[in-house]
Amino acid sequence: YIPMQRFGGDDELKTAVLFLASPGTSYCTGVILNVDGGWVSV
């Protein structure tokens, strides 16, 4: 069972990586960003 009813695409994963590498996350510490289409919520 996949909550989003599909697997994540390359662009979606790339966007998450670019977000974490951006200057906008300079004040974030100890964050876990689950890019799993809701799998953890099952």
C-alpha atoms as a PDB file:
ATOM      1  CA  TYR A   1       0.000   0.000   0.000  1.00  0.00           C
ATOM      2  CA  ILE A   2       1.368   3.377  -1.053  1.00  0.00           C
ATOM      3  CA  PRO A   3      -0.615   6.338   0.388  1.00  0.00           C
ATOM      4  CA  MET A   4       0.075   8.614  -2.616  1.00  0.00           C
ATOM      5  CA  GLN A   5      -0.886   5.787  -5.021  1.00  0.00           C
ATOM      6  CA  ARG A   6       2.389   6.188  -6.946  1.00  0.00           C
ATOM      7  CA  PHE A   7       6.136   6.182  -6.496  1.00  0.00           C
ATOM      8  CA  GLY A   8       8.039   9.449  -6.233  1.00  0.00           C
ATOM      9  CA  GLY A   9       9.634  10.855  -9.321  1.00  0.00           C
ATOM     10  CA  ASP A  10      13.209  11.999  -9.777  1.00  0.00           C
ATOM     11  CA  ASP A  11      12.117  15.643  -9.830  1.00  0.00           C
ATOM     12  CA  GLU A  12      10.385  15.297  -6.454  1.00  0.00           C
ATOM     13  CA  LEU A  13      13.465  13.788  -4.836  1.00  0.00           C
ATOM     14  CA  LYS A  14      15.722  16.338  -6.502  1.00  0.00           C
ATOM     15  CA  THR A  15      13.566  19.171  -5.145  1.00  0.00           C
ATOM     16  CA  ALA A  16      13.938  17.851  -1.589  1.00  0.00           C
ATOM     17  CA  VAL A  17      17.724  17.615  -1.939  1.00  0.00           C
ATOM     18  CA  LEU A  18      17.951  21.128  -3.380  1.00  0.00           C
ATOM     19  CA  PHE A  19      15.806  22.443  -0.523  1.00  0.00           C
ATOM     20  CA  LEU A  20      18.069  20.872   2.098  1.00  0.00           C
ATOM     21  CA  ALA A  21      21.169  22.230   0.338  1.00  0.00           C
ATOM     22  CA  SER A  22      19.748  25.752   0.016  1.00  0.00           C
ATOM     23  CA  PRO A  23      20.647  28.721   2.220  1.00  0.00           C
ATOM     24  CA  GLY A  24      17.022  28.769   3.419  1.00  0.00           C
ATOM     25  CA  THR A  25      17.749  25.835   5.715  1.00  0.00           C
ATOM     26  CA  SER A  26      20.755  27.416   7.435  1.00  0.00           C
ATOM     27  CA  TYR A  27      18.808  27.731  10.721  1.00  0.00           C
ATOM     28  CA  CYS A  28      17.461  24.152  10.646  1.00  0.00           C
ATOM     29  CA  THR A  29      19.123  21.583  12.887  1.00  0.00           C
ATOM     30  CA  GLY A  30      18.260  17.943  13.451  1.00  0.00           C
ATOM     31  CA  VAL A  31      15.445  17.800  10.913  1.00  0.00           C
ATOM     32  CA  ILE A  32      14.260  14.560   9.349  1.00  0.00           C
ATOM     33  CA  LEU A  33      12.580  15.227   6.022  1.00  0.00           C
ATOM     34  CA  ASN A  34      10.630  12.140   4.990  1.00  0.00           C
ATOM     35  CA  VAL A  35      10.253  12.163   1.223  1.00  0.00           C
ATOM     36  CA  ASP A  36       8.338   8.921   1.032  1.00  0.00           C
ATOM     37  CA  GLY A  37       4.852   9.730  -0.241  1.00  0.00           C
ATOM     38  CA  GLY A  38       3.297   9.215   3.183  1.00  0.00           C
ATOM     39  CA  TRP A  39       4.764   5.758   3.789  1.00  0.00           C
ATOM     40  CA  VAL A  40       5.813   6.659   7.375  1.00  0.00           C
ATOM     41  CA  SER A  41       2.228   7.622   8.239  1.00  0.00           C
ATOM     42  CA  VAL A  42       0.940   4.106   7.540  1.00  0.00           C
END
